[in-house]
N, C-alpha and C. Protein backbone atom coordinates (compact mmCIF):
# COMPACT_ATOMS: atom_id res chain seq x y z
N MET A 1 89.04 26.04 49.96
CA MET A 1 88.27 25.74 48.78
C MET A 1 88.44 26.93 47.81
N ARG A 2 88.55 28.12 48.23
CA ARG A 2 88.80 29.30 47.38
C ARG A 2 90.13 29.08 46.62
N LYS A 3 91.10 28.71 47.41
CA LYS A 3 92.46 28.48 46.78
C LYS A 3 92.44 27.49 45.76
N THR A 4 91.83 26.38 46.04
CA THR A 4 91.85 25.34 44.91
C THR A 4 91.01 25.68 43.74
N VAL A 5 89.95 26.47 43.84
CA VAL A 5 89.24 26.94 42.72
C VAL A 5 90.05 28.03 41.91
N PHE A 6 90.63 28.97 42.60
CA PHE A 6 91.68 29.98 42.06
C PHE A 6 92.70 29.24 41.33
N LEU A 7 93.28 28.14 41.97
CA LEU A 7 94.47 27.41 41.41
C LEU A 7 94.05 26.72 40.13
N GLY A 8 92.85 26.11 40.14
CA GLY A 8 92.31 25.44 39.00
C GLY A 8 92.08 26.32 37.83
N ILE A 9 91.53 27.42 38.16
CA ILE A 9 91.22 28.59 37.14
C ILE A 9 92.50 29.08 36.57
N MET A 10 93.59 29.22 37.34
CA MET A 10 94.97 29.70 36.85
C MET A 10 95.46 28.52 35.99
N ILE A 11 95.37 27.31 36.37
CA ILE A 11 95.80 26.22 35.56
C ILE A 11 95.30 26.13 34.26
N MET A 12 93.84 26.20 34.27
CA MET A 12 93.16 26.19 32.91
C MET A 12 93.56 27.40 32.09
N LEU A 13 93.72 28.54 32.80
CA LEU A 13 94.16 29.72 31.94
C LEU A 13 95.51 29.58 31.36
N GLY A 14 96.41 28.92 32.17
CA GLY A 14 97.81 28.74 31.73
C GLY A 14 97.77 27.64 30.48
N VAL A 15 97.04 26.61 30.59
CA VAL A 15 96.78 25.68 29.62
C VAL A 15 96.21 26.35 28.31
N TRP A 16 95.32 27.10 28.49
CA TRP A 16 94.61 27.72 27.38
C TRP A 16 95.61 28.66 26.59
N CYS A 17 96.49 29.40 27.49
CA CYS A 17 97.48 30.42 26.82
C CYS A 17 98.57 29.49 26.12
N LEU A 18 99.02 28.42 26.70
CA LEU A 18 100.00 27.49 25.97
C LEU A 18 99.47 27.01 24.68
N LEU A 19 98.17 26.62 24.70
CA LEU A 19 97.60 26.09 23.54
C LEU A 19 97.51 27.16 22.44
N TYR A 20 97.06 28.38 22.90
CA TYR A 20 96.86 29.50 21.99
C TYR A 20 98.18 29.78 21.30
N VAL A 21 99.26 30.01 22.15
CA VAL A 21 100.44 30.37 21.69
C VAL A 21 101.09 29.36 20.79
N GLY A 22 100.87 28.00 21.12
CA GLY A 22 101.36 26.93 20.29
C GLY A 22 100.65 26.94 18.88
N VAL A 23 99.41 27.13 18.91
CA VAL A 23 98.63 27.17 17.63
C VAL A 23 99.16 28.35 16.87
N LYS A 24 99.47 29.56 17.35
CA LYS A 24 99.84 30.73 16.63
C LYS A 24 101.26 30.46 16.09
N ILE A 25 102.10 29.95 16.83
CA ILE A 25 103.49 29.52 16.35
C ILE A 25 103.43 28.48 15.25
N ASP A 26 102.61 27.57 15.36
CA ASP A 26 102.43 26.62 14.23
C ASP A 26 101.85 27.25 13.03
N MET A 27 100.93 28.26 13.14
CA MET A 27 100.42 28.95 12.09
C MET A 27 101.48 29.81 11.28
N TRP A 28 102.37 30.34 12.02
CA TRP A 28 103.40 31.10 11.62
C TRP A 28 104.30 30.20 10.85
N ARG A 29 104.68 29.10 11.43
CA ARG A 29 105.55 28.14 10.71
C ARG A 29 105.06 27.68 9.38
N LEU A 30 103.76 27.36 9.39
CA LEU A 30 103.12 26.88 8.34
C LEU A 30 103.04 27.98 7.08
N GLY A 31 102.79 29.15 7.64
CA GLY A 31 102.74 30.33 6.66
C GLY A 31 104.07 30.50 5.93
N TYR A 32 105.26 30.38 6.69
CA TYR A 32 106.47 30.51 6.11
C TYR A 32 106.75 29.29 5.14
N ALA A 33 106.29 28.18 5.59
CA ALA A 33 106.47 26.98 4.71
C ALA A 33 105.76 27.18 3.38
N ILE A 34 104.41 27.72 3.44
CA ILE A 34 103.65 28.00 2.21
C ILE A 34 104.33 28.97 1.39
N GLU A 35 104.94 30.03 1.99
CA GLU A 35 105.59 31.15 1.17
C GLU A 35 106.84 30.55 0.39
N ASP A 36 107.60 29.57 1.13
CA ASP A 36 108.80 28.90 0.52
C ASP A 36 108.25 28.01 -0.59
N LEU A 37 107.15 27.32 -0.50
CA LEU A 37 106.64 26.43 -1.47
C LEU A 37 106.20 27.34 -2.73
N GLU A 38 105.59 28.37 -2.38
CA GLU A 38 105.02 29.22 -3.52
C GLU A 38 106.22 29.76 -4.28
N THR A 39 107.27 30.22 -3.70
CA THR A 39 108.62 30.70 -4.29
C THR A 39 109.11 29.60 -5.20
N GLN A 40 109.16 28.36 -4.54
CA GLN A 40 109.72 27.15 -5.30
C GLN A 40 108.94 26.89 -6.46
N ARG A 41 107.55 27.00 -6.39
CA ARG A 41 106.63 26.77 -7.44
C ARG A 41 106.78 27.78 -8.57
N ALA A 42 107.06 28.98 -8.17
CA ALA A 42 107.21 30.01 -9.26
C ALA A 42 108.56 29.79 -10.01
N ALA A 43 109.55 29.35 -9.25
CA ALA A 43 110.75 29.17 -10.06
C ALA A 43 110.68 27.95 -10.94
N LEU A 44 109.98 26.80 -10.37
CA LEU A 44 109.88 25.59 -11.22
C LEU A 44 108.96 26.01 -12.53
N LYS A 45 107.88 26.89 -12.28
CA LYS A 45 107.19 27.19 -13.41
C LYS A 45 107.89 27.97 -14.43
N LYS A 46 108.79 28.95 -14.00
CA LYS A 46 109.75 29.57 -14.95
C LYS A 46 110.62 28.60 -15.58
N GLN A 47 111.15 27.58 -14.87
CA GLN A 47 111.93 26.58 -15.45
C GLN A 47 111.24 25.82 -16.56
N GLN A 48 110.06 25.48 -16.13
CA GLN A 48 109.27 24.69 -17.12
C GLN A 48 109.02 25.45 -18.53
N GLU A 49 108.67 26.85 -18.38
CA GLU A 49 108.60 27.52 -19.50
C GLU A 49 109.72 27.65 -20.29
N GLY A 50 110.88 27.74 -19.77
CA GLY A 50 112.13 27.80 -20.36
C GLY A 50 112.42 26.45 -21.10
N LEU A 51 112.09 25.38 -20.54
CA LEU A 51 112.21 24.02 -21.10
C LEU A 51 111.30 23.88 -22.19
N GLN A 52 110.14 24.43 -22.06
CA GLN A 52 109.18 24.37 -23.20
C GLN A 52 109.59 25.15 -24.41
N VAL A 53 110.17 26.22 -24.30
CA VAL A 53 110.83 27.04 -25.25
C VAL A 53 111.98 26.27 -25.95
N ARG A 54 112.82 25.65 -25.06
CA ARG A 54 113.87 25.00 -25.65
C ARG A 54 113.51 23.73 -26.65
N LEU A 55 112.40 23.06 -25.93
CA LEU A 55 111.74 21.96 -26.66
C LEU A 55 111.19 22.41 -28.03
N SER A 56 110.56 23.58 -28.11
CA SER A 56 110.00 24.16 -29.40
C SER A 56 111.29 24.40 -30.39
N GLU A 57 112.23 24.89 -29.81
CA GLU A 57 113.41 25.23 -30.70
C GLU A 57 114.05 23.96 -31.23
N LEU A 58 114.18 22.96 -30.37
CA LEU A 58 114.93 21.72 -30.80
C LEU A 58 114.00 20.88 -31.75
N THR A 59 112.67 21.04 -31.71
CA THR A 59 111.82 20.18 -32.45
C THR A 59 111.33 20.87 -33.68
N ASP A 60 111.78 22.18 -33.94
CA ASP A 60 111.42 22.93 -35.19
C ASP A 60 111.87 22.24 -36.42
N PRO A 61 110.95 21.81 -37.28
CA PRO A 61 111.34 21.11 -38.45
C PRO A 61 112.39 21.79 -39.29
N GLN A 62 112.44 23.13 -39.39
CA GLN A 62 113.38 23.78 -40.21
C GLN A 62 114.86 23.64 -39.50
N ARG A 63 114.87 23.74 -38.23
CA ARG A 63 116.01 23.61 -37.53
C ARG A 63 116.60 22.15 -37.67
N VAL A 64 115.67 21.19 -37.45
CA VAL A 64 116.07 19.73 -37.69
C VAL A 64 116.64 19.51 -38.94
N ALA A 65 116.04 20.04 -40.10
CA ALA A 65 116.45 19.77 -41.38
C ALA A 65 117.84 20.57 -41.65
N GLN A 66 117.98 21.65 -41.12
CA GLN A 66 119.25 22.38 -41.24
C GLN A 66 120.31 21.67 -40.50
N ARG A 67 120.20 21.08 -39.39
CA ARG A 67 121.23 20.39 -38.61
C ARG A 67 121.45 19.09 -39.34
N ALA A 68 120.46 18.43 -39.91
CA ALA A 68 120.65 17.16 -40.61
C ALA A 68 121.60 17.47 -41.90
N GLN A 69 121.42 18.58 -42.47
CA GLN A 69 122.22 18.82 -43.63
C GLN A 69 123.55 19.28 -43.22
N SER A 70 123.73 20.07 -42.26
CA SER A 70 125.09 20.62 -41.93
C SER A 70 125.88 19.69 -41.13
N GLN A 71 125.32 18.89 -40.22
CA GLN A 71 126.11 18.00 -39.36
C GLN A 71 126.19 16.54 -39.92
N LEU A 72 125.11 16.10 -40.61
CA LEU A 72 125.14 14.73 -41.05
C LEU A 72 125.30 14.60 -42.58
N GLY A 73 125.25 15.72 -43.17
CA GLY A 73 125.38 15.59 -44.61
C GLY A 73 124.05 15.16 -45.38
N LEU A 74 123.07 14.98 -44.75
CA LEU A 74 121.85 14.66 -45.38
C LEU A 74 121.24 15.70 -46.27
N MET A 75 120.59 15.15 -47.40
CA MET A 75 120.03 16.13 -48.37
C MET A 75 118.53 15.73 -48.46
N VAL A 76 117.77 16.66 -48.99
CA VAL A 76 116.35 16.47 -49.30
C VAL A 76 116.34 15.70 -50.51
N PRO A 77 115.66 14.49 -50.66
CA PRO A 77 115.72 13.69 -52.02
C PRO A 77 115.06 14.60 -53.14
N GLN A 78 115.72 14.37 -54.17
CA GLN A 78 115.23 15.03 -55.42
C GLN A 78 114.28 14.21 -56.19
N GLU A 79 113.53 14.75 -57.11
CA GLU A 79 112.54 14.00 -57.82
C GLU A 79 113.27 12.94 -58.64
N GLY A 80 112.73 11.70 -58.44
CA GLY A 80 113.29 10.53 -59.16
C GLY A 80 114.00 9.64 -58.24
N GLN A 81 114.63 10.25 -57.07
CA GLN A 81 115.29 9.52 -56.05
C GLN A 81 114.43 8.52 -55.14
N ILE A 82 113.15 8.88 -55.11
CA ILE A 82 112.35 7.94 -54.26
C ILE A 82 111.65 7.08 -55.16
N VAL A 83 111.51 5.77 -55.07
CA VAL A 83 110.77 4.79 -55.91
C VAL A 83 109.93 4.14 -54.92
N MET A 84 108.62 4.18 -55.26
CA MET A 84 107.63 3.41 -54.47
C MET A 84 107.42 2.09 -55.21
N VAL A 85 107.55 0.93 -54.35
CA VAL A 85 107.44 -0.26 -54.75
C VAL A 85 106.24 -1.01 -54.13
N SER A 86 105.41 -1.61 -54.91
CA SER A 86 104.27 -2.42 -54.27
C SER A 86 104.63 -3.73 -54.14
N LEU A 87 104.56 -4.45 -53.02
CA LEU A 87 104.91 -5.79 -52.82
C LEU A 87 103.98 -6.78 -53.45
N ASP A 88 102.82 -6.41 -53.67
CA ASP A 88 101.83 -7.11 -54.39
C ASP A 88 102.16 -7.48 -55.85
N THR A 89 102.88 -6.64 -56.51
CA THR A 89 103.14 -6.80 -57.97
C THR A 89 104.53 -7.36 -58.19
N LEU A 90 105.31 -7.54 -57.11
CA LEU A 90 106.60 -8.08 -57.30
C LEU A 90 106.59 -9.59 -57.56
N PRO A 91 107.38 -10.06 -58.49
CA PRO A 91 107.60 -11.54 -58.72
C PRO A 91 108.29 -12.25 -57.59
N HIS A 92 108.01 -13.37 -57.26
CA HIS A 92 108.68 -14.12 -56.25
C HIS A 92 110.04 -14.45 -56.79
N PRO A 93 111.24 -14.18 -56.15
CA PRO A 93 112.62 -14.59 -56.63
C PRO A 93 112.67 -16.04 -56.39
N GLU A 94 113.27 -16.66 -57.39
CA GLU A 94 113.63 -18.14 -57.32
C GLU A 94 114.88 -18.52 -56.79
N SER A 95 115.79 -17.57 -56.71
CA SER A 95 117.00 -17.91 -56.14
C SER A 95 117.13 -17.56 -54.64
N ASN A 96 118.07 -18.14 -53.90
CA ASN A 96 118.02 -17.75 -52.45
C ASN A 96 119.12 -16.72 -52.17
N GLY A 97 119.62 -15.95 -53.20
CA GLY A 97 120.62 -15.00 -53.06
C GLY A 97 119.99 -13.65 -52.37
N ASN A 98 120.75 -12.69 -52.33
CA ASN A 98 120.39 -11.43 -51.78
C ASN A 98 119.81 -10.51 -52.83
N SER A 99 118.77 -11.04 -53.37
CA SER A 99 118.06 -10.12 -54.37
C SER A 99 117.35 -8.98 -53.76
N PRO A 100 117.26 -7.80 -54.38
CA PRO A 100 116.54 -6.75 -53.72
C PRO A 100 115.13 -6.90 -53.55
N ILE A 101 114.44 -7.67 -54.18
CA ILE A 101 113.13 -7.93 -54.02
C ILE A 101 112.94 -8.73 -52.73
N ARG A 102 113.86 -9.85 -52.53
CA ARG A 102 113.65 -10.61 -51.32
C ARG A 102 114.05 -9.74 -50.08
N LEU A 103 114.85 -8.84 -50.18
CA LEU A 103 115.24 -8.10 -48.99
C LEU A 103 114.17 -7.02 -48.66
N VAL A 104 113.44 -6.51 -49.73
CA VAL A 104 112.31 -5.69 -49.47
C VAL A 104 111.25 -6.44 -48.84
N ARG A 105 110.95 -7.63 -49.36
CA ARG A 105 109.88 -8.44 -48.71
C ARG A 105 110.17 -8.83 -47.28
N GLU A 106 111.52 -9.27 -46.91
CA GLU A 106 111.82 -9.50 -45.61
C GLU A 106 111.76 -8.26 -44.69
N PHE A 107 112.12 -7.10 -45.23
CA PHE A 107 112.08 -5.87 -44.39
C PHE A 107 110.64 -5.55 -44.09
N SER A 108 109.83 -5.72 -45.17
CA SER A 108 108.32 -5.32 -44.87
C SER A 108 107.75 -6.25 -43.90
N ASP A 109 108.04 -7.53 -43.94
CA ASP A 109 107.61 -8.51 -43.06
C ASP A 109 107.94 -8.20 -41.59
N THR A 110 109.22 -7.78 -41.48
CA THR A 110 109.60 -7.54 -40.04
C THR A 110 109.08 -6.13 -39.51
N VAL A 111 108.89 -5.24 -40.34
CA VAL A 111 108.41 -3.96 -39.99
C VAL A 111 106.82 -4.13 -39.60
N LEU A 112 106.15 -4.89 -40.40
CA LEU A 112 104.72 -5.04 -40.11
C LEU A 112 104.45 -5.99 -39.00
N SER A 113 105.44 -6.94 -38.62
CA SER A 113 105.17 -7.76 -37.52
C SER A 113 105.54 -7.18 -36.09
N ILE A 114 106.16 -5.93 -36.07
CA ILE A 114 106.52 -5.33 -34.89
C ILE A 114 105.26 -4.86 -34.22
N PRO A 115 105.04 -5.07 -32.88
CA PRO A 115 103.75 -4.62 -32.31
C PRO A 115 103.76 -3.13 -31.95
């Protein structure tokens, strides 16, 4: 009887030791995984900040205007180059040709009907 009790205690102690060591190993493994993820998070945060700076540079209105002028040849309109036309005061064209008034009306109809 003493041998069986001793053997039972030894088995329970062995199982407890295995569980303890298993839990410790799992904790160490998870700790290393957390460190790796934190390192990866820091690198991604730094990359995000760099991309945010790049976005700010690319969307700067002065830079866009400068590139539009140098690469596309676009210029800022001068006074008198822009004419505002009210469609309510335009007469209806009677011909079916490509009159500017008809083109403006068709364009405004298509623009206003876009959802």
